């Protein structure tokens, strides 16, 4: 079985295009707009999860924990 990896350097579009489960988890942690038609193809092409969390004032550690609980390995963002 292939490892499920959440690469925080990739855009939301890249992540969701490679794994539809990511879209569902993003919605569950509060990124409800991601399911709106066209949103993934527009804002998702430049937005990363850390940027989105900062913009919406979401706790990034909570988001990472949610993904980890669903079997994702977190690849940290590069500085």
PDB file of N, CA and C in Angstrom:
ATOM      1  N   UNK A   1       0.841  -1.185   0.000  1.00  0.00           N
ATOM      2  CA  UNK A   1       0.000   0.000   0.000  1.00  0.00           C
ATOM      3  C   UNK A   1       0.886   1.248   0.000  1.00  0.00           C
ATOM      4  N   UNK A   2       0.518   2.194  -0.814  1.00  0.00           N
ATOM      5  CA  UNK A   2       1.285   3.424  -0.935  1.00  0.00           C
ATOM      6  C   UNK A   2       1.056   4.302   0.295  1.00  0.00           C
ATOM      7  N   UNK A   3       2.145   4.911   0.784  1.00  0.00           N
ATOM      8  CA  UNK A   3       2.021   5.825   1.918  1.00  0.00           C
ATOM      9  C   UNK A   3       1.199   7.036   1.535  1.00  0.00           C
ATOM     10  N   UNK A   4       0.374   7.473   2.462  1.00  0.00           N
ATOM     11  CA  UNK A   4      -0.388   8.701   2.261  1.00  0.00           C
ATOM     12  C   UNK A   4       0.444   9.836   2.846  1.00  0.00           C
ATOM     13  N   UNK A   5       0.842  10.765   1.993  1.00  0.00           N
ATOM     14  CA  UNK A   5       1.717  11.856   2.420  1.00  0.00           C
ATOM     15  C   UNK A   5       1.035  13.182   2.173  1.00  0.00           C
ATOM     16  N   UNK A   6       1.068  14.025   3.186  1.00  0.00           N
ATOM     17  CA  UNK A   6       0.549  15.386   3.073  1.00  0.00           C
ATOM     18  C   UNK A   6       1.760  16.308   3.002  1.00  0.00           C
ATOM     19  N   UNK A   7       2.083  16.747   1.796  1.00  0.00           N
ATOM     20  CA  UNK A   7       3.237  17.621   1.564  1.00  0.00           C
ATOM     21  C   UNK A   7       2.773  19.072   1.675  1.00  0.00           C
ATOM     22  N   UNK A   8       3.160  19.739   2.753  1.00  0.00           N
ATOM     23  CA  UNK A   8       2.706  21.097   3.017  1.00  0.00           C
ATOM     24  C   UNK A   8       3.327  22.135   2.092  1.00  0.00           C
ATOM     25  N   UNK A   9       4.242  21.718   1.236  1.00  0.00           N
ATOM     26  CA  UNK A   9       4.821  22.621   0.236  1.00  0.00           C
ATOM     27  C   UNK A   9       3.977  22.675  -1.035  1.00  0.00           C
ATOM     28  N   UNK A  10       3.140  21.666  -1.243  1.00  0.00           N
ATOM     29  CA  UNK A  10       2.331  21.596  -2.457  1.00  0.00           C
ATOM     30  C   UNK A  10       1.073  22.442  -2.303  1.00  0.00           C
ATOM     31  N   UNK A  11       0.554  22.875  -3.449  1.00  0.00           N
ATOM     32  CA  UNK A  11      -0.699  23.631  -3.416  1.00  0.00           C
ATOM     33  C   UNK A  11      -1.855  22.694  -3.089  1.00  0.00           C
ATOM     34  N   UNK A  12      -2.939  23.272  -2.657  1.00  0.00           N
ATOM     35  CA  UNK A  12      -4.138  22.486  -2.363  1.00  0.00           C
ATOM     36  C   UNK A  12      -4.604  21.758  -3.624  1.00  0.00           C
ATOM     37  N   UNK A  13      -4.506  22.422  -4.760  1.00  0.00           N
ATOM     38  CA  UNK A  13      -4.885  21.797  -6.033  1.00  0.00           C
ATOM     39  C   UNK A  13      -4.054  20.540  -6.283  1.00  0.00           C
ATOM     40  N   UNK A  14      -2.732  20.650  -6.122  1.00  0.00           N
ATOM     41  CA  UNK A  14      -1.854  19.501  -6.346  1.00  0.00           C
ATOM     42  C   UNK A  14      -2.196  18.354  -5.400  1.00  0.00           C
ATOM     43  N   UNK A  15      -2.420  18.691  -4.132  1.00  0.00           N
ATOM     44  CA  UNK A  15      -2.723  17.660  -3.141  1.00  0.00           C
ATOM     45  C   UNK A  15      -4.036  16.956  -3.447  1.00  0.00           C
ATOM     46  N   UNK A  16      -5.069  17.740  -3.721  1.00  0.00           N
ATOM     47  CA  UNK A  16      -6.400  17.172  -3.957  1.00  0.00           C
ATOM     48  C   UNK A  16      -6.473  16.410  -5.279  1.00  0.00           C
ATOM     49  N   UNK A  17      -5.705  16.853  -6.271  1.00  0.00           N
ATOM     50  CA  UNK A  17      -5.678  16.156  -7.561  1.00  0.00           C
ATOM     51  C   UNK A  17      -5.079  14.768  -7.422  1.00  0.00           C
ATOM     52  N   UNK A  18      -4.153  14.616  -6.494  1.00  0.00           N
ATOM     53  CA  UNK A  18      -3.499  13.331  -6.301  1.00  0.00           C
ATOM     54  C   UNK A  18      -4.195  12.416  -5.310  1.00  0.00           C
ATOM     55  N   UNK A  19      -5.105  12.966  -4.497  1.00  0.00           N
ATOM     56  CA  UNK A  19      -5.748  12.175  -3.447  1.00  0.00           C
ATOM     57  C   UNK A  19      -7.069  12.834  -3.063  1.00  0.00           C
ATOM     58  N   UNK A  20      -8.168  12.259  -3.496  1.00  0.00           N
ATOM     59  CA  UNK A  20      -9.483  12.859  -3.217  1.00  0.00           C
ATOM     60  C   UNK A  20      -9.832  12.852  -1.732  1.00  0.00           C
ATOM     61  N   UNK A  21      -9.193  12.003  -0.960  1.00  0.00           N
ATOM     62  CA  UNK A  21      -9.436  11.979   0.485  1.00  0.00           C
ATOM     63  C   UNK A  21      -9.003  13.265   1.158  1.00  0.00           C
ATOM     64  N   UNK A  22      -8.033  13.952   0.577  1.00  0.00           N
ATOM     65  CA  UNK A  22      -7.548  15.212   1.144  1.00  0.00           C
ATOM     66  C   UNK A  22      -8.644  16.266   1.091  1.00  0.00           C
ATOM     67  N   UNK A  23      -9.388  16.307   0.009  1.00  0.00           N
ATOM     68  CA  UNK A  23     -10.481  17.281  -0.108  1.00  0.00           C
ATOM     69  C   UNK A  23     -11.484  17.102   1.024  1.00  0.00           C
ATOM     70  N   UNK A  24     -11.857  15.870   1.302  1.00  0.00           N
ATOM     71  CA  UNK A  24     -12.822  15.588   2.366  1.00  0.00           C
ATOM     72  C   UNK A  24     -12.282  16.000   3.731  1.00  0.00           C
ATOM     73  N   UNK A  25     -11.016  15.734   3.981  1.00  0.00           N
ATOM     74  CA  UNK A  25     -10.426  16.104   5.270  1.00  0.00           C
ATOM     75  C   UNK A  25     -10.285  17.617   5.406  1.00  0.00           C
ATOM     76  N   UNK A  26      -9.931  18.294   4.314  1.00  0.00           N
ATOM     77  CA  UNK A  26      -9.846  19.754   4.370  1.00  0.00           C
ATOM     78  C   UNK A  26     -11.209  20.358   4.699  1.00  0.00           C
ATOM     79  N   UNK A  27     -12.240  19.806   4.097  1.00  0.00           N
ATOM     80  CA  UNK A  27     -13.591  20.278   4.399  1.00  0.00           C
ATOM     81  C   UNK A  27     -13.919  20.031   5.878  1.00  0.00           C
ATOM     82  N   UNK A  28     -13.550  18.876   6.388  1.00  0.00           N
ATOM     83  CA  UNK A  28     -13.845  18.524   7.776  1.00  0.00           C
ATOM     84  C   UNK A  28     -13.133  19.430   8.780  1.00  0.00           C
ATOM     85  N   UNK A  29     -11.944  19.917   8.432  1.00  0.00           N
ATOM     86  CA  UNK A  29     -11.211  20.778   9.375  1.00  0.00           C
ATOM     87  C   UNK A  29     -11.584  22.251   9.231  1.00  0.00           C
ATOM     88  N   UNK A  30     -12.493  22.552   8.295  1.00  0.00           N
ATOM     89  CA  UNK A  30     -12.985  23.916   8.212  1.00  0.00           C
ATOM     90  C   UNK A  30     -12.838  24.618   6.884  1.00  0.00           C
ATOM     91  N   UNK A  31     -12.102  24.028   5.958  1.00  0.00           N
ATOM     92  CA  UNK A  31     -11.931  24.640   4.643  1.00  0.00           C
ATOM     93  C   UNK A  31     -13.124  24.267   3.751  1.00  0.00           C
ATOM     94  N   UNK A  32     -14.302  24.730   4.123  1.00  0.00           N
ATOM     95  CA  UNK A  32     -15.524  24.345   3.413  1.00  0.00           C
ATOM     96  C   UNK A  32     -15.595  24.919   2.007  1.00  0.00           C
ATOM     97  N   UNK A  33     -14.948  26.047   1.770  1.00  0.00           N
ATOM     98  CA  UNK A  33     -14.985  26.664   0.439  1.00  0.00           C
ATOM     99  C   UNK A  33     -14.330  25.800  -0.633  1.00  0.00           C
ATOM    100  N   UNK A  34     -13.475  24.889  -0.219  1.00  0.00           N
ATOM    101  CA  UNK A  34     -12.746  24.068  -1.182  1.00  0.00           C
ATOM    102  C   UNK A  34     -13.695  23.200  -2.007  1.00  0.00           C
ATOM    103  N   UNK A  35     -14.896  22.948  -1.484  1.00  0.00           N
ATOM    104  CA  UNK A  35     -15.854  22.108  -2.200  1.00  0.00           C
ATOM    105  C   UNK A  35     -16.737  22.916  -3.156  1.00  0.00           C
ATOM    106  N   UNK A  36     -16.622  24.231  -3.117  1.00  0.00           N
ATOM    107  CA  UNK A  36     -17.410  25.072  -4.031  1.00  0.00           C
ATOM    108  C   UNK A  36     -16.869  24.904  -5.454  1.00  0.00           C
ATOM    109  N   UNK A  37     -17.783  24.850  -6.425  1.00  0.00           N
ATOM    110  CA  UNK A  37     -17.341  24.685  -7.817  1.00  0.00           C
ATOM    111  C   UNK A  37     -16.337  25.771  -8.226  1.00  0.00           C
ATOM    112  N   UNK A  38     -15.252  25.340  -8.825  1.00  0.00           N
ATOM    113  CA  UNK A  38     -14.248  26.271  -9.323  1.00  0.00           C
ATOM    114  C   UNK A  38     -13.210  26.716  -8.313  1.00  0.00           C
ATOM    115  N   UNK A  39     -13.483  26.564  -7.036  1.00  0.00           N
ATOM    116  CA  UNK A  39     -12.564  27.062  -6.012  1.00  0.00           C
ATOM    117  C   UNK A  39     -11.224  26.324  -6.041  1.00  0.00           C
ATOM    118  N   UNK A  40     -11.280  25.022  -6.188  1.00  0.00           N
ATOM    119  CA  UNK A  40     -10.050  24.232  -6.234  1.00  0.00           C
ATOM    120  C   UNK A  40      -9.212  24.605  -7.452  1.00  0.00           C
ATOM    121  N   UNK A  41      -9.867  24.852  -8.569  1.00  0.00           N
ATOM    122  CA  UNK A  41      -9.162  25.171  -9.807  1.00  0.00           C
ATOM    123  C   UNK A  41      -8.630  26.600  -9.843  1.00  0.00           C
ATOM    124  N   UNK A  42      -9.125  27.463  -8.971  1.00  0.00           N
ATOM    125  CA  UNK A  42      -8.652  28.859  -8.963  1.00  0.00           C
ATOM    126  C   UNK A  42      -7.748  29.092  -7.754  1.00  0.00           C
ATOM    127  N   UNK A  43      -8.327  29.346  -6.611  1.00  0.00           N
ATOM    128  CA  UNK A  43      -7.536  29.633  -5.404  1.00  0.00           C
ATOM    129  C   UNK A  43      -6.654  28.448  -5.017  1.00  0.00           C
ATOM    130  N   UNK A  44      -7.136  27.245  -5.271  1.00  0.00           N
ATOM    131  CA  UNK A  44      -6.378  26.046  -4.917  1.00  0.00           C
ATOM    132  C   UNK A  44      -5.070  25.906  -5.659  1.00  0.00           C
ATOM    133  N   UNK A  45      -4.925  26.605  -6.772  1.00  0.00           N
ATOM    134  CA  UNK A  45      -3.693  26.504  -7.571  1.00  0.00           C
ATOM    135  C   UNK A  45      -2.526  27.285  -6.973  1.00  0.00           C
ATOM    136  N   UNK A  46      -2.812  28.225  -6.066  1.00  0.00           N
ATOM    137  CA  UNK A  46      -1.707  28.962  -5.439  1.00  0.00           C
ATOM    138  C   UNK A  46      -1.709  28.859  -3.919  1.00  0.00           C
ATOM    139  N   UNK A  47      -2.784  28.355  -3.344  1.00  0.00           N
ATOM    140  CA  UNK A  47      -2.915  28.275  -1.895  1.00  0.00           C
ATOM    141  C   UNK A  47      -2.339  26.966  -1.370  1.00  0.00           C
ATOM    142  N   UNK A  48      -1.546  27.057  -0.311  1.00  0.00           N
ATOM    143  CA  UNK A  48      -1.082  25.870   0.395  1.00  0.00           C
ATOM    144  C   UNK A  48      -1.891  25.755   1.680  1.00  0.00           C
ATOM    145  N   UNK A  49      -1.830  24.621   2.319  1.00  0.00           N
ATOM    146  CA  UNK A  49      -2.567  24.451   3.576  1.00  0.00           C
ATOM    147  C   UNK A  49      -2.058  25.424   4.644  1.00  0.00           C
ATOM    148  N   UNK A  50      -0.741  25.592   4.814  1.00  0.00           N
ATOM    149  CA  UNK A  50      -0.286  26.569   5.818  1.00  0.00           C
ATOM    150  C   UNK A  50      -0.759  27.996   5.529  1.00  0.00           C
ATOM    151  N   UNK A  51      -0.737  28.402   4.263  1.00  0.00           N
ATOM    152  CA  UNK A  51      -1.209  29.748   3.907  1.00  0.00           C
ATOM    153  C   UNK A  51      -2.701  29.885   4.201  1.00  0.00           C
ATOM    154  N   UNK A  52      -3.466  28.879   3.833  1.00  0.00           N
ATOM    155  CA  UNK A  52      -4.908  28.896   4.075  1.00  0.00           C
ATOM    156  C   UNK A  52      -5.236  28.910   5.556  1.00  0.00           C
ATOM    157  N   UNK A  53      -4.478  28.137   6.332  1.00  0.00           N
ATOM    158  CA  UNK A  53      -4.696  28.105   7.787  1.00  0.00           C
ATOM    159  C   UNK A  53      -4.422  29.473   8.393  1.00  0.00           C
ATOM    160  N   UNK A  54      -3.364  30.112   7.945  1.00  0.00           N
ATOM    161  CA  UNK A  54      -3.030  31.444   8.457  1.00  0.00           C
ATOM    162  C   UNK A  54      -4.107  32.455   8.072  1.00  0.00           C
ATOM    163  N   UNK A  55      -4.552  32.392   6.826  1.00  0.00           N
ATOM    164  CA  UNK A  55      -5.556  33.321   6.326  1.00  0.00           C
ATOM    165  C   UNK A  55      -6.888  33.173   7.083  1.00  0.00           C
ATOM    166  N   UNK A  56      -7.266  31.932   7.397  1.00  0.00           N
ATOM    167  CA  UNK A  56      -8.535  31.673   8.072  1.00  0.00           C
ATOM    168  C   UNK A  56      -8.387  31.606   9.590  1.00  0.00           C
ATOM    169  N   UNK A  57      -7.164  31.814  10.072  1.00  0.00           N
ATOM    170  CA  UNK A  57      -6.883  31.775  11.509  1.00  0.00           C
ATOM    171  C   UNK A  57      -7.199  30.399  12.112  1.00  0.00           C
ATOM    172  N   UNK A  58      -6.839  29.344  11.371  1.00  0.00           N
ATOM    173  CA  UNK A  58      -6.983  27.978  11.845  1.00  0.00           C
ATOM    174  C   UNK A  58      -5.651  27.540  12.441  1.00  0.00           C
ATOM    175  N   UNK A  59      -5.703  26.642  13.398  1.00  0.00           N
ATOM    176  CA  UNK A  59      -4.500  26.111  14.024  1.00  0.00           C
ATOM    177  C   UNK A  59      -3.899  25.036  13.110  1.00  0.00           C
ATOM    178  N   UNK A  60      -2.718  25.301  12.584  1.00  0.00           N
ATOM    179  CA  UNK A  60      -2.074  24.367  11.654  1.00  0.00           C
ATOM    180  C   UNK A  60      -1.748  23.043  12.336  1.00  0.00           C
ATOM    181  N   UNK A  61      -1.381  23.087  13.595  1.00  0.00           N
ATOM    182  CA  UNK A  61      -1.064  21.849  14.313  1.00  0.00           C
ATOM    183  C   UNK A  61      -2.298  20.953  14.423  1.00  0.00           C
ATOM    184  N   UNK A  62      -3.448  21.542  14.618  1.00  0.00           N
ATOM    185  CA  UNK A  62      -4.696  20.767  14.681  1.00  0.00           C
ATOM    186  C   UNK A  62      -4.980  20.117  13.328  1.00  0.00           C
ATOM    187  N   UNK A  63      -4.742  20.852  12.261  1.00  0.00           N
ATOM    188  CA  UNK A  63      -4.948  20.311  10.913  1.00  0.00           C
ATOM    189  C   UNK A  63      -4.000  19.136  10.680  1.00  0.00           C
ATOM    190  N   UNK A  64      -2.741  19.305  11.027  1.00  0.00           N
ATOM    191  CA  UNK A  64      -1.761  18.224  10.856  1.00  0.00           C
ATOM    192  C   UNK A  64      -2.163  17.000  11.668  1.00  0.00           C
ATOM    193  N   UNK A  65      -2.637  17.222  12.891  1.00  0.00           N
ATOM    194  CA  UNK A  65      -3.053  16.121  13.758  1.00  0.00           C
ATOM    195  C   UNK A  65      -4.225  15.353  13.138  1.00  0.00           C
ATOM    196  N   UNK A  66      -5.170  16.079  12.574  1.00  0.00           N
ATOM    197  CA  UNK A  66      -6.323  15.439  11.929  1.00  0.00           C
ATOM    198  C   UNK A  66      -5.865  14.541  10.783  1.00  0.00           C
ATOM    199  N   UNK A  67      -4.952  15.043   9.961  1.00  0.00           N
ATOM    200  CA  UNK A  67      -4.445  14.228   8.856  1.00  0.00           C
ATOM    201  C   UNK A  67      -3.666  13.024   9.372  1.00  0.00           C
ATOM    202  N   UNK A  68      -2.868  13.224  10.408  1.00  0.00           N
ATOM    203  CA  UNK A  68      -2.100  12.114  10.995  1.00  0.00           C
ATOM    204  C   UNK A  68      -3.041  11.034  11.531  1.00  0.00           C
ATOM    205  N   UNK A  69      -4.140  11.449  12.134  1.00  0.00           N
ATOM    206  CA  UNK A  69      -5.123  10.490  12.662  1.00  0.00           C
ATOM    207  C   UNK A  69      -5.779   9.678  11.541  1.00  0.00           C
ATOM    208  N   UNK A  70      -5.739  10.199  10.335  1.00  0.00           N
ATOM    209  CA  UNK A  70      -6.303   9.494   9.180  1.00  0.00           C
ATOM    210  C   UNK A  70      -5.221   8.800   8.344  1.00  0.00           C
ATOM    211  N   UNK A  71      -4.058   8.610   8.929  1.00  0.00           N
ATOM    212  CA  UNK A  71      -3.016   7.813   8.295  1.00  0.00           C
ATOM    213  C   UNK A  71      -2.054   8.554   7.388  1.00  0.00           C
ATOM    214  N   UNK A  72      -2.085   9.876   7.424  1.00  0.00           N
ATOM    215  CA  UNK A  72      -1.181  10.660   6.580  1.00  0.00           C
ATOM    216  C   UNK A  72       0.129  10.940   7.310  1.00  0.00           C
ATOM    217  N   UNK A  73       1.209  10.857   6.564  1.00  0.00           N
ATOM    218  CA  UNK A  73       2.504  11.309   7.054  1.00  0.00           C
ATOM    219  C   UNK A  73       2.649  12.750   6.609  1.00  0.00           C
ATOM    220  N   UNK A  74       3.103  13.605   7.513  1.00  0.00           N
ATOM    221  CA  UNK A  74       3.206  15.027   7.214  1.00  0.00           C
ATOM    222  C   UNK A  74       4.604  15.360   6.760  1.00  0.00           C
ATOM    223  N   UNK A  75       4.704  15.922   5.570  1.00  0.00           N
ATOM    224  CA  UNK A  75       5.981  16.428   5.072  1.00  0.00           C
ATOM    225  C   UNK A  75       5.951  17.933   5.333  1.00  0.00           C
ATOM    226  N   UNK A  76       6.812  18.374   6.239  1.00  0.00           N
ATOM    227  CA  UNK A  76       6.809  19.769   6.690  1.00  0.00           C
ATOM    228  C   UNK A  76       7.179  20.731   5.569  1.00  0.00           C
ATOM    229  N   UNK A  77       6.665  21.935   5.706  1.00  0.00           N
ATOM    230  CA  UNK A  77       6.979  22.973   4.721  1.00  0.00           C
ATOM    231  C   UNK A  77       8.427  23.403   4.876  1.00  0.00           C
ATOM    232  N   UNK A  78       9.039  23.754   3.780  1.00  0.00           N
ATOM    233  CA  UNK A  78      10.428  24.233   3.816  1.00  0.00           C
ATOM    234  C   UNK A  78      10.411  25.727   4.080  1.00  0.00           C
ATOM    235  N   UNK A  79      11.411  26.178   4.790  1.00  0.00           N
ATOM    236  CA  UNK A  79      11.475  27.604   5.126  1.00  0.00           C
ATOM    237  C   UNK A  79      12.412  28.359   4.228  1.00  0.00           C
TER     238      UNK A  79
END
